[in-house]
C-alpha atoms as a PDB file:
ATOM      1  CA  UNK A   1      -0.514  -7.623 -13.399  1.00  0.00           C
ATOM      2  CA  UNK A   2       0.107  -3.911 -13.177  1.00  0.00           C
ATOM      3  CA  UNK A   3       1.936  -4.234  -9.885  1.00  0.00           C
ATOM      4  CA  UNK A   4       4.078  -7.091 -11.172  1.00  0.00           C
ATOM      5  CA  UNK A   5       4.618  -6.716 -14.887  1.00  0.00           C
ATOM      6  CA  UNK A   6       5.585  -3.083 -14.281  1.00  0.00           C
ATOM      7  CA  UNK A   7       7.478  -3.887 -11.110  1.00  0.00           C
ATOM      8  CA  UNK A   8      10.988  -3.113 -11.844  1.00  0.00           C
ATOM      9  CA  UNK A   9      11.398  -0.082 -10.395  1.00  0.00           C
ATOM     10  CA  UNK A  10     -12.525   4.539   8.023  1.00  0.00           C
ATOM     11  CA  UNK A  11     -14.973   4.303   9.234  1.00  0.00           C
ATOM     12  CA  UNK A  12     -15.710   7.640   7.575  1.00  0.00           C
ATOM     13  CA  UNK A  13     -14.738   9.089   4.203  1.00  0.00           C
ATOM     14  CA  UNK A  14     -12.032  11.171   5.879  1.00  0.00           C
ATOM     15  CA  UNK A  15      -9.350   8.634   6.645  1.00  0.00           C
ATOM     16  CA  UNK A  16      -7.919   9.134  10.110  1.00  0.00           C
ATOM     17  CA  UNK A  17      -4.217   8.668  10.635  1.00  0.00           C
ATOM     18  CA  UNK A  18      -2.397   7.266  13.613  1.00  0.00           C
ATOM     19  CA  UNK A  19       1.266   6.595  14.183  1.00  0.00           C
ATOM     20  CA  UNK A  20       2.612   3.125  14.688  1.00  0.00           C
ATOM     21  CA  UNK A  21       6.152   2.077  15.453  1.00  0.00           C
ATOM     22  CA  UNK A  22       7.862  -1.002  16.831  1.00  0.00           C
ATOM     23  CA  UNK A  23      10.616  -1.240  19.374  1.00  0.00           C
ATOM     24  CA  UNK A  24      12.654  -3.250  16.907  1.00  0.00           C
ATOM     25  CA  UNK A  25      12.514  -0.487  14.306  1.00  0.00           C
ATOM     26  CA  UNK A  26      13.932   1.882  16.913  1.00  0.00           C
ATOM     27  CA  UNK A  27      16.695  -0.527  17.807  1.00  0.00           C
ATOM     28  CA  UNK A  28      17.605  -0.942  14.132  1.00  0.00           C
ATOM     29  CA  UNK A  29      17.641   2.770  13.385  1.00  0.00           C
ATOM     30  CA  UNK A  30      21.270   3.379  14.200  1.00  0.00           C
ATOM     31  CA  UNK A  31      22.248   0.588  11.811  1.00  0.00           C
ATOM     32  CA  UNK A  32      19.893   1.405   8.927  1.00  0.00           C
ATOM     33  CA  UNK A  33      19.394   5.144   9.105  1.00  0.00           C
ATOM     34  CA  UNK A  34      21.713   8.089   8.698  1.00  0.00           C
ATOM     35  CA  UNK A  35      19.560  11.221   8.380  1.00  0.00           C
ATOM     36  CA  UNK A  36      16.388   9.118   8.604  1.00  0.00           C
ATOM     37  CA  UNK A  37      14.660  11.073  11.362  1.00  0.00           C
ATOM     38  CA  UNK A  38      11.403   9.914   9.776  1.00  0.00           C
ATOM     39  CA  UNK A  39      11.665   6.656  11.689  1.00  0.00           C
ATOM     40  CA  UNK A  40      12.043   8.484  14.975  1.00  0.00           C
ATOM     41  CA  UNK A  41       9.986  11.685  14.876  1.00  0.00           C
ATOM     42  CA  UNK A  42       7.234  12.260  12.341  1.00  0.00           C
ATOM     43  CA  UNK A  43       6.980  15.979  11.585  1.00  0.00           C
ATOM     44  CA  UNK A  44       3.685  15.909   9.737  1.00  0.00           C
ATOM     45  CA  UNK A  45       2.471  19.502  10.012  1.00  0.00           C
ATOM     46  CA  UNK A  46      -0.710  20.232   8.062  1.00  0.00           C
ATOM     47  CA  UNK A  47      -1.389  16.549   7.443  1.00  0.00           C
ATOM     48  CA  UNK A  48      -1.568  15.941  11.166  1.00  0.00           C
ATOM     49  CA  UNK A  49      -3.965  18.836  11.629  1.00  0.00           C
ATOM     50  CA  UNK A  50      -6.223  17.897   8.736  1.00  0.00           C
ATOM     51  CA  UNK A  51      -6.271  14.123   9.114  1.00  0.00           C
ATOM     52  CA  UNK A  52      -5.852  13.374  12.803  1.00  0.00           C
ATOM     53  CA  UNK A  53      -2.255  12.199  12.910  1.00  0.00           C
ATOM     54  CA  UNK A  54      -1.117  11.344  16.387  1.00  0.00           C
ATOM     55  CA  UNK A  55       2.056  13.394  17.066  1.00  0.00           C
ATOM     56  CA  UNK A  56       4.304  10.531  18.108  1.00  0.00           C
ATOM     57  CA  UNK A  57       7.406   8.918  16.662  1.00  0.00           C
ATOM     58  CA  UNK A  58       7.181   6.442  13.804  1.00  0.00           C
ATOM     59  CA  UNK A  59       5.705   5.763  10.397  1.00  0.00           C
ATOM     60  CA  UNK A  60       2.072   6.929  10.146  1.00  0.00           C
ATOM     61  CA  UNK A  61      -0.734   4.516   9.440  1.00  0.00           C
ATOM     62  CA  UNK A  62      -4.263   5.023   8.190  1.00  0.00           C
ATOM     63  CA  UNK A  63      -7.152   3.703  10.236  1.00  0.00           C
ATOM     64  CA  UNK A  64      -9.144   1.752   7.672  1.00  0.00           C
ATOM     65  CA  UNK A  65     -12.929   1.625   7.524  1.00  0.00           C
ATOM     66  CA  UNK A  66     -12.816  -1.742   9.320  1.00  0.00           C
ATOM     67  CA  UNK A  67     -10.710  -0.330  12.171  1.00  0.00           C
ATOM     68  CA  UNK A  68      -7.342  -1.849  11.234  1.00  0.00           C
ATOM     69  CA  UNK A  69      -4.162   0.237  11.218  1.00  0.00           C
ATOM     70  CA  UNK A  70      -2.501   0.288   7.794  1.00  0.00           C
ATOM     71  CA  UNK A  71       1.066   1.690   7.554  1.00  0.00           C
ATOM     72  CA  UNK A  72       1.175   4.212   4.734  1.00  0.00           C
ATOM     73  CA  UNK A  73       4.324   2.882   3.062  1.00  0.00           C
ATOM     74  CA  UNK A  74       4.356  -0.729   1.919  1.00  0.00           C
ATOM     75  CA  UNK A  75       6.928  -2.968   0.244  1.00  0.00           C
ATOM     76  CA  UNK A  76       5.405  -4.794  -2.730  1.00  0.00           C
ATOM     77  CA  UNK A  77       7.352  -7.837  -3.891  1.00  0.00           C
ATOM     78  CA  UNK A  78       8.334  -8.148  -7.548  1.00  0.00           C
ATOM     79  CA  UNK A  79       8.795 -11.190  -9.775  1.00  0.00           C
ATOM     80  CA  UNK A  80      11.855 -13.085  -8.527  1.00  0.00           C
ATOM     81  CA  UNK A  81      12.521 -16.375  -6.796  1.00  0.00           C
ATOM     82  CA  UNK A  82      11.643 -17.264  -3.219  1.00  0.00           C
ATOM     83  CA  UNK A  83      15.191 -16.858  -1.900  1.00  0.00           C
ATOM     84  CA  UNK A  84      15.516 -13.344  -3.261  1.00  0.00           C
ATOM     85  CA  UNK A  85      12.085 -12.511  -1.869  1.00  0.00           C
ATOM     86  CA  UNK A  86      13.248 -13.772   1.519  1.00  0.00           C
ATOM     87  CA  UNK A  87      16.410 -11.635   1.477  1.00  0.00           C
ATOM     88  CA  UNK A  88      14.686  -8.457   0.311  1.00  0.00           C
ATOM     89  CA  UNK A  89      11.890  -8.864   2.837  1.00  0.00           C
ATOM     90  CA  UNK A  90      14.433  -9.144   5.639  1.00  0.00           C
ATOM     91  CA  UNK A  91      16.170  -5.998   4.345  1.00  0.00           C
ATOM     92  CA  UNK A  92      12.869  -4.123   4.246  1.00  0.00           C
ATOM     93  CA  UNK A  93      12.072  -5.216   7.796  1.00  0.00           C
ATOM     94  CA  UNK A  94      15.530  -4.119   8.941  1.00  0.00           C
ATOM     95  CA  UNK A  95      14.921  -0.685   7.444  1.00  0.00           C
ATOM     96  CA  UNK A  96      11.606  -0.178   9.218  1.00  0.00           C
ATOM     97  CA  UNK A  97       8.934  -1.453   6.809  1.00  0.00           C
ATOM     98  CA  UNK A  98       5.971  -3.090   8.522  1.00  0.00           C
ATOM     99  CA  UNK A  99       3.471  -3.292   5.660  1.00  0.00           C
ATOM    100  CA  UNK A 100       3.915  -5.822   2.834  1.00  0.00           C
ATOM    101  CA  UNK A 101       2.012  -6.566  -0.340  1.00  0.00           C
ATOM    102  CA  UNK A 102       2.762 -10.157  -1.375  1.00  0.00           C
ATOM    103  CA  UNK A 103       0.864 -10.538  -4.643  1.00  0.00           C
ATOM    104  CA  UNK A 104       0.156 -14.068  -5.797  1.00  0.00           C
ATOM    105  CA  UNK A 105       1.293 -12.901  -9.236  1.00  0.00           C
ATOM    106  CA  UNK A 106       4.854 -12.397  -7.998  1.00  0.00           C
ATOM    107  CA  UNK A 107       5.169 -16.134  -7.455  1.00  0.00           C
ATOM    108  CA  UNK A 108       7.275 -15.876  -4.292  1.00  0.00           C
ATOM    109  CA  UNK A 109       4.841 -15.905  -1.384  1.00  0.00           C
ATOM    110  CA  UNK A 110       6.630 -18.849   0.241  1.00  0.00           C
ATOM    111  CA  UNK A 111       9.936 -16.977   0.363  1.00  0.00           C
ATOM    112  CA  UNK A 112       8.239 -13.898   1.752  1.00  0.00           C
ATOM    113  CA  UNK A 113       6.458 -15.886   4.451  1.00  0.00           C
ATOM    114  CA  UNK A 114       9.723 -17.581   5.409  1.00  0.00           C
ATOM    115  CA  UNK A 115      11.353 -14.175   5.952  1.00  0.00           C
ATOM    116  CA  UNK A 116       8.539 -13.024   8.207  1.00  0.00           C
ATOM    117  CA  UNK A 117       8.843 -16.180  10.302  1.00  0.00           C
ATOM    118  CA  UNK A 118      12.662 -15.885  10.484  1.00  0.00           C
ATOM    119  CA  UNK A 119      12.700 -12.179  11.364  1.00  0.00           C
ATOM    120  CA  UNK A 120      11.945 -12.586  15.049  1.00  0.00           C
ATOM    121  CA  UNK A 121       9.547  -9.636  14.843  1.00  0.00           C
ATOM    122  CA  UNK A 122       6.160 -10.366  16.426  1.00  0.00           C
ATOM    123  CA  UNK A 123       3.630 -11.196  13.747  1.00  0.00           C
ATOM    124  CA  UNK A 124       1.241  -8.664  15.308  1.00  0.00           C
ATOM    125  CA  UNK A 125       3.646  -5.858  14.336  1.00  0.00           C
ATOM    126  CA  UNK A 126       3.620  -6.714  10.619  1.00  0.00           C
ATOM    127  CA  UNK A 127       0.741  -6.047   8.212  1.00  0.00           C
ATOM    128  CA  UNK A 128       0.562  -8.679   5.465  1.00  0.00           C
ATOM    129  CA  UNK A 129      -1.619  -8.401   2.372  1.00  0.00           C
ATOM    130  CA  UNK A 130      -1.992 -11.236  -0.121  1.00  0.00           C
ATOM    131  CA  UNK A 131      -3.911 -11.172  -3.390  1.00  0.00           C
ATOM    132  CA  UNK A 132      -6.382 -13.275  -5.349  1.00  0.00           C
ATOM    133  CA  UNK A 133      -6.568 -13.505  -9.134  1.00  0.00           C
ATOM    134  CA  UNK A 134     -10.135 -14.463 -10.100  1.00  0.00           C
ATOM    135  CA  UNK A 135     -11.117 -11.843 -12.660  1.00  0.00           C
ATOM    136  CA  UNK A 136     -11.459 -14.331 -15.527  1.00  0.00           C
ATOM    137  CA  UNK A 137     -14.177 -16.342 -13.826  1.00  0.00           C
ATOM    138  CA  UNK A 138     -17.567 -15.511 -15.285  1.00  0.00           C
ATOM    139  CA  UNK A 139     -20.735 -15.620 -13.224  1.00  0.00           C
ATOM    140  CA  UNK A 140     -21.437 -15.541  -9.495  1.00  0.00           C
ATOM    141  CA  UNK A 141     -20.753 -19.194  -8.694  1.00  0.00           C
ATOM    142  CA  UNK A 142     -17.559 -19.526 -10.730  1.00  0.00           C
ATOM    143  CA  UNK A 143     -16.140 -16.275  -9.369  1.00  0.00           C
ATOM    144  CA  UNK A 144     -17.008 -17.287  -5.815  1.00  0.00           C
ATOM    145  CA  UNK A 145     -15.353 -20.689  -6.163  1.00  0.00           C
ATOM    146  CA  UNK A 146     -12.167 -19.365  -7.757  1.00  0.00           C
ATOM    147  CA  UNK A 147     -11.842 -16.556  -5.203  1.00  0.00           C
ATOM    148  CA  UNK A 148     -12.496 -18.933  -2.319  1.00  0.00           C
ATOM    149  CA  UNK A 149      -9.777 -21.277  -3.555  1.00  0.00           C
ATOM    150  CA  UNK A 150      -7.403 -18.376  -4.101  1.00  0.00           C
ATOM    151  CA  UNK A 151      -7.851 -17.209  -0.517  1.00  0.00           C
ATOM    152  CA  UNK A 152      -7.014 -20.677   0.770  1.00  0.00           C
ATOM    153  CA  UNK A 153      -3.940 -20.893  -1.460  1.00  0.00           C
ATOM    154  CA  UNK A 154      -2.648 -17.539  -0.163  1.00  0.00           C
ATOM    155  CA  UNK A 155      -2.873 -18.686   3.433  1.00  0.00           C
ATOM    156  CA  UNK A 156      -1.162 -21.983   2.625  1.00  0.00           C
ATOM    157  CA  UNK A 157       1.653 -20.395   0.595  1.00  0.00           C
ATOM    158  CA  UNK A 158       2.434 -17.618   3.046  1.00  0.00           C
ATOM    159  CA  UNK A 159       2.373 -19.917   6.073  1.00  0.00           C
ATOM    160  CA  UNK A 160       1.534 -17.097   8.479  1.00  0.00           C
ATOM    161  CA  UNK A 161      -1.921 -18.099   9.621  1.00  0.00           C
ATOM    162  CA  UNK A 162      -4.667 -15.498   9.441  1.00  0.00           C
ATOM    163  CA  UNK A 163      -3.730 -12.695   7.024  1.00  0.00           C
ATOM    164  CA  UNK A 164      -4.287  -9.028   7.699  1.00  0.00           C
ATOM    165  CA  UNK A 165      -5.683  -8.376   4.214  1.00  0.00           C
ATOM    166  CA  UNK A 166      -6.593 -10.088   0.976  1.00  0.00           C
ATOM    167  CA  UNK A 167      -7.013  -8.091  -2.212  1.00  0.00           C
ATOM    168  CA  UNK A 168      -8.765  -8.870  -5.482  1.00  0.00           C
ATOM    169  CA  UNK A 169      -6.127  -8.221  -8.134  1.00  0.00           C
ATOM    170  CA  UNK A 170      -8.712  -7.217 -10.761  1.00  0.00           C
ATOM    171  CA  UNK A 171     -12.487  -6.843 -10.986  1.00  0.00           C
ATOM    172  CA  UNK A 172     -14.416  -9.528 -12.841  1.00  0.00           C
ATOM    173  CA  UNK A 173     -15.978  -8.980 -16.286  1.00  0.00           C
ATOM    174  CA  UNK A 174     -19.516  -8.182 -15.108  1.00  0.00           C
ATOM    175  CA  UNK A 175     -21.637  -7.341 -12.079  1.00  0.00           C
ATOM    176  CA  UNK A 176     -22.484 -10.941 -11.136  1.00  0.00           C
ATOM    177  CA  UNK A 177     -18.834 -11.987 -11.365  1.00  0.00           C
ATOM    178  CA  UNK A 178     -17.702  -9.070  -9.209  1.00  0.00           C
ATOM    179  CA  UNK A 179     -20.324  -9.907  -6.576  1.00  0.00           C
ATOM    180  CA  UNK A 180     -19.163 -13.531  -6.663  1.00  0.00           C
ATOM    181  CA  UNK A 181     -15.562 -12.436  -6.128  1.00  0.00           C
ATOM    182  CA  UNK A 182     -16.562 -10.349  -3.125  1.00  0.00           C
ATOM    183  CA  UNK A 183     -18.607 -13.202  -1.677  1.00  0.00           C
ATOM    184  CA  UNK A 184     -15.483 -15.363  -1.877  1.00  0.00           C
ATOM    185  CA  UNK A 185     -13.529 -12.794   0.134  1.00  0.00           C
ATOM    186  CA  UNK A 186     -16.308 -12.530   2.709  1.00  0.00           C
ATOM    187  CA  UNK A 187     -16.351 -16.310   3.009  1.00  0.00           C
ATOM    188  CA  UNK A 188     -12.621 -16.257   3.788  1.00  0.00           C
ATOM    189  CA  UNK A 189     -13.115 -13.650   6.490  1.00  0.00           C
ATOM    190  CA  UNK A 190     -15.993 -15.620   8.007  1.00  0.00           C
ATOM    191  CA  UNK A 191     -13.716 -18.669   8.189  1.00  0.00           C
ATOM    192  CA  UNK A 192     -10.971 -16.719   9.978  1.00  0.00           C
ATOM    193  CA  UNK A 193      -8.514 -16.645   7.070  1.00  0.00           C
ATOM    194  CA  UNK A 194      -8.294 -12.854   6.800  1.00  0.00           C
ATOM    195  CA  UNK A 195      -9.268  -9.705   8.662  1.00  0.00           C
ATOM    196  CA  UNK A 196      -9.577  -6.986   6.015  1.00  0.00           C
ATOM    197  CA  UNK A 197     -10.919  -7.123   2.432  1.00  0.00           C
ATOM    198  CA  UNK A 198      -9.530  -4.960  -0.367  1.00  0.00           C
ATOM    199  CA  UNK A 199      -9.645  -4.499  -4.139  1.00  0.00           C
ATOM    200  CA  UNK A 200      -7.432  -3.235  -6.928  1.00  0.00           C
ATOM    201  CA  UNK A 201      -8.279  -1.246 -10.054  1.00  0.00           C
ATOM    202  CA  UNK A 202     -11.965  -0.893  -9.159  1.00  0.00           C
ATOM    203  CA  UNK A 203     -13.848   2.052 -10.618  1.00  0.00           C
ATOM    204  CA  UNK A 204     -16.419   3.893  -8.472  1.00  0.00           C
ATOM    205  CA  UNK A 205     -19.204   2.093 -10.369  1.00  0.00           C
ATOM    206  CA  UNK A 206     -17.590  -1.280  -9.629  1.00  0.00           C
ATOM    207  CA  UNK A 207     -17.200  -0.369  -5.952  1.00  0.00           C
ATOM    208  CA  UNK A 208     -20.921   0.356  -5.877  1.00  0.00           C
ATOM    209  CA  UNK A 209     -21.686  -3.195  -7.017  1.00  0.00           C
ATOM    210  CA  UNK A 210     -20.315  -4.558  -3.757  1.00  0.00           C
ATOM    211  CA  UNK A 211     -22.602  -5.138  -0.751  1.00  0.00           C
ATOM    212  CA  UNK A 212     -19.945  -3.631   1.542  1.00  0.00           C
ATOM    213  CA  UNK A 213     -17.035  -1.241   1.157  1.00  0.00           C
ATOM    214  CA  UNK A 214     -13.526  -2.608   0.746  1.00  0.00           C
ATOM    215  CA  UNK A 215     -10.944  -1.103   3.050  1.00  0.00           C
ATOM    216  CA  UNK A 216      -8.411  -0.310   0.301  1.00  0.00           C
ATOM    217  CA  UNK A 217      -8.494   0.215  -3.459  1.00  0.00           C
ATOM    218  CA  UNK A 218      -5.100  -0.063  -5.167  1.00  0.00           C
ATOM    219  CA  UNK A 219      -4.858   2.275  -8.146  1.00  0.00           C
ATOM    220  CA  UNK A 220      -2.144   3.649 -10.464  1.00  0.00           C
ATOM    221  CA  UNK A 221      -1.396   7.086  -9.021  1.00  0.00           C
ATOM    222  CA  UNK A 222       1.521   9.496  -9.089  1.00  0.00           C
ATOM    223  CA  UNK A 223       2.582  13.064  -9.803  1.00  0.00           C
ATOM    224  CA  UNK A 224       1.396  14.097 -13.259  1.00  0.00           C
ATOM    225  CA  UNK A 225      -0.247  10.755 -14.063  1.00  0.00           C
ATOM    226  CA  UNK A 226      -3.776  11.234 -15.437  1.00  0.00           C
ATOM    227  CA  UNK A 227      -4.094  14.174 -13.076  1.00  0.00           C
ATOM    228  CA  UNK A 228      -7.700  15.220 -13.728  1.00  0.00           C
ATOM    229  CA  UNK A 229      -9.079  11.694 -13.870  1.00  0.00           C
ATOM    230  CA  UNK A 230      -7.209  10.613 -10.748  1.00  0.00           C
ATOM    231  CA  UNK A 231      -8.351  13.668  -8.825  1.00  0.00           C
ATOM    232  CA  UNK A 232     -11.940  12.557  -9.451  1.00  0.00           C
ATOM    233  CA  UNK A 233     -11.089   8.955  -8.555  1.00  0.00           C
ATOM    234  CA  UNK A 234      -9.545  10.012  -5.237  1.00  0.00           C
ATOM    235  CA  UNK A 235     -12.626  12.048  -4.382  1.00  0.00           C
ATOM    236  CA  UNK A 236     -14.937   9.152  -5.291  1.00  0.00           C
ATOM    237  CA  UNK A 237     -13.005   6.691  -3.121  1.00  0.00           C
ATOM    238  CA  UNK A 238     -12.804   9.140  -0.217  1.00  0.00           C
ATOM    239  CA  UNK A 239     -16.574   9.697  -0.436  1.00  0.00           C
ATOM    240  CA  UNK A 240     -17.021   5.938  -0.020  1.00  0.00           C
ATOM    241  CA  UNK A 241     -14.556   5.693   2.866  1.00  0.00           C
ATOM    242  CA  UNK A 242     -12.057   3.657   0.843  1.00  0.00           C
ATOM    243  CA  UNK A 243      -8.323   4.324   1.178  1.00  0.00           C
ATOM    244  CA  UNK A 244      -6.449   4.586  -2.116  1.00  0.00           C
ATOM    245  CA  UNK A 245      -3.077   2.856  -2.177  1.00  0.00           C
ATOM    246  CA  UNK A 246      -0.894   3.901  -5.112  1.00  0.00           C
ATOM    247  CA  UNK A 247       0.865   1.070  -6.922  1.00  0.00           C
ATOM    248  CA  UNK A 248       4.112   1.708  -8.803  1.00  0.00           C
ATOM    249  CA  UNK A 249       3.836   5.401  -7.856  1.00  0.00           C
ATOM    250  CA  UNK A 250       7.329   6.249  -9.095  1.00  0.00           C
ATOM    251  CA  UNK A 251       7.167   4.375 -12.398  1.00  0.00           C
ATOM    252  CA  UNK A 252       4.141   6.378 -13.562  1.00  0.00           C
ATOM    253  CA  UNK A 253       6.013   9.680 -13.066  1.00  0.00           C
ATOM    254  CA  UNK A 254       7.067  11.151 -16.424  1.00  0.00           C
ATOM    255  CA  UNK A 255      10.503  12.754 -16.969  1.00  0.00           C
ATOM    256  CA  UNK A 256       8.878  16.192 -16.869  1.00  0.00           C
ATOM    257  CA  UNK A 257       7.071  15.425 -13.605  1.00  0.00           C
ATOM    258  CA  UNK A 258      10.288  14.024 -12.152  1.00  0.00           C
ATOM    259  CA  UNK A 259      12.068  17.268 -12.985  1.00  0.00           C
ATOM    260  CA  UNK A 260       9.361  19.242 -11.188  1.00  0.00           C
ATOM    261  CA  UNK A 261       9.678  16.982  -8.149  1.00  0.00           C
ATOM    262  CA  UNK A 262      13.457  17.435  -8.139  1.00  0.00           C
ATOM    263  CA  UNK A 263      13.107  21.221  -8.325  1.00  0.00           C
ATOM    264  CA  UNK A 264      10.655  21.223  -5.419  1.00  0.00           C
ATOM    265  CA  UNK A 265      12.815  18.841  -3.405  1.00  0.00           C
ATOM    266  CA  UNK A 266      15.881  21.080  -3.560  1.00  0.00           C
ATOM    267  CA  UNK A 267      14.373  23.424  -0.988  1.00  0.00           C
ATOM    268  CA  UNK A 268      13.749  20.543   1.424  1.00  0.00           C
ATOM    269  CA  UNK A 269      16.927  18.560   0.874  1.00  0.00           C
ATOM    270  CA  UNK A 270      14.859  15.719  -0.559  1.00  0.00           C
ATOM    271  CA  UNK A 271      15.072  13.705  -3.753  1.00  0.00           C
ATOM    272  CA  UNK A 272      12.540  13.723  -6.574  1.00  0.00           C
ATOM    273  CA  UNK A 273      11.316  10.296  -5.451  1.00  0.00           C
ATOM    274  CA  UNK A 274      10.812  11.470  -1.873  1.00  0.00           C
ATOM    275  CA  UNK A 275       8.839  14.495  -3.035  1.00  0.00           C
ATOM    276  CA  UNK A 276       6.698  12.345  -5.338  1.00  0.00           C
ATOM    277  CA  UNK A 277       5.889   9.977  -2.485  1.00  0.00           C
ATOM    278  CA  UNK A 278       5.224  12.772  -0.007  1.00  0.00           C
ATOM    279  CA  UNK A 279       2.789  14.345  -2.478  1.00  0.00           C
ATOM    280  CA  UNK A 280       0.825  11.084  -2.482  1.00  0.00           C
ATOM    281  CA  UNK A 281       0.771  10.884   1.313  1.00  0.00           C
ATOM    282  CA  UNK A 282      -0.357  14.503   1.673  1.00  0.00           C
ATOM    283  CA  UNK A 283      -3.244  13.726  -0.660  1.00  0.00           C
ATOM    284  CA  UNK A 284      -4.464  11.203   1.917  1.00  0.00           C
ATOM    285  CA  UNK A 285      -3.252   8.068   0.139  1.00  0.00           C
ATOM    286  CA  UNK A 286      -0.883   5.208   0.878  1.00  0.00           C
ATOM    287  CA  UNK A 287       1.754   3.752  -1.446  1.00  0.00           C
ATOM    288  CA  UNK A 288       3.218   0.344  -2.179  1.00  0.00           C
ATOM    289  CA  UNK A 289       6.776   0.455  -3.497  1.00  0.00           C
ATOM    290  CA  UNK A 290       9.203  -1.884  -5.198  1.00  0.00           C
ATOM    291  CA  UNK A 291      12.939  -1.899  -4.622  1.00  0.00           C
ATOM    292  CA  UNK A 292      15.941  -4.206  -4.678  1.00  0.00           C
ATOM    293  CA  UNK A 293      18.317  -1.648  -3.151  1.00  0.00           C
ATOM    294  CA  UNK A 294      18.742  -1.018   0.552  1.00  0.00           C
ATOM    295  CA  UNK A 295      19.537   2.623  -0.129  1.00  0.00           C
ATOM    296  CA  UNK A 296      16.224   2.987  -1.973  1.00  0.00           C
ATOM    297  CA  UNK A 297      14.347   1.220   0.834  1.00  0.00           C
ATOM    298  CA  UNK A 298      15.737   3.834   3.198  1.00  0.00           C
ATOM    299  CA  UNK A 299      15.161   6.755   0.861  1.00  0.00           C
ATOM    300  CA  UNK A 300      11.538   5.820   0.195  1.00  0.00           C
ATOM    301  CA  UNK A 301      10.610   5.602   3.863  1.00  0.00           C
ATOM    302  CA  UNK A 302      12.406   8.846   4.753  1.00  0.00           C
ATOM    303  CA  UNK A 303       9.461  11.098   3.922  1.00  0.00           C
ATOM    304  CA  UNK A 304       7.877  11.810   7.292  1.00  0.00           C
ATOM    305  CA  UNK A 305      10.204  14.534   8.573  1.00  0.00           C
ATOM    306  CA  UNK A 306       9.033  17.304   6.251  1.00  0.00           C
ATOM    307  CA  UNK A 307       5.871  18.795   4.745  1.00  0.00           C
ATOM    308  CA  UNK A 308       5.332  20.119   1.263  1.00  0.00           C
ATOM    309  CA  UNK A 309       3.932  23.643   1.376  1.00  0.00           C
ATOM    310  CA  UNK A 310       0.516  24.453  -0.068  1.00  0.00           C
ATOM    311  CA  UNK A 311       2.251  26.244  -2.926  1.00  0.00           C
ATOM    312  CA  UNK A 312       4.444  23.231  -3.715  1.00  0.00           C
ATOM    313  CA  UNK A 313       1.481  20.862  -3.527  1.00  0.00           C
ATOM    314  CA  UNK A 314      -0.394  23.091  -5.966  1.00  0.00           C
ATOM    315  CA  UNK A 315       2.638  23.208  -8.256  1.00  0.00           C
ATOM    316  CA  UNK A 316       2.794  19.420  -8.394  1.00  0.00           C
ATOM    317  CA  UNK A 317      -0.990  19.131  -8.738  1.00  0.00           C
ATOM    318  CA  UNK A 318      -0.716  21.206 -11.922  1.00  0.00           C
ATOM    319  CA  UNK A 319       1.825  18.840 -13.529  1.00  0.00           C
ATOM    320  CA  UNK A 320       0.431  16.886 -16.443  1.00  0.00           C
END
């Protein structure tokens, strides 16, 4: 899967933003954060004005089209064993992450779920997204059955009860299969297994096959990556009220785009990675990130205490 094989490294079309923050994240700040004012005071400038950000402390979250709050920075687990998944999840929680993408393709949902249970953080403060792989099933009935089973397996493996979100890893091969996949997700929600339904790698035409709008569409997105095509994709998803979450947003950045991000970041005292992530956020998207380093966990979440100027946004928009 894109988010795994490459993992080494609204109710209205305008997605509203709110700010969410837990008391535990505040208590951990002095241990995890040096200059990480992002976890205490979000200085969001134009984004706040344009997208309704509540001017309070913490990591911003989008209000999805089903009403759920979705923190804009997520930790997406990579392919490694359950014990490593447990340790890295605890590190991410310590550093302030409250949104997690635990893909079934990573093969370590049990370790991730164990970390959540061990953390002592109220489950209500953590957003958990699992995933279902049913794109090879052909036809409505087969796709429905495989998706339904996949939803049940996610809940069993994670051991966290009702999940916040389940995501189709890929669209099926034809319209009937895609509708069957979606029906399987809706069945899971009707049975109380999940609250929010999402997709990954869906084109606008595939979104239009669904009887309802997913809350999130995970897509490959980053500075300089298929710039013209992705600009159209963002507009199409926004028109449908679907939040785009960028997967592997740093791995898709070319060396030339990275150099541009580094040059822009010098004026803000930020790294190329921080600029690349901030560019995504200021375009109204979320991001799911992969890391095995505590310093990178901290760096990647430290992006809410500055704003890229209109000129710098335009400069990065022109890359690629």
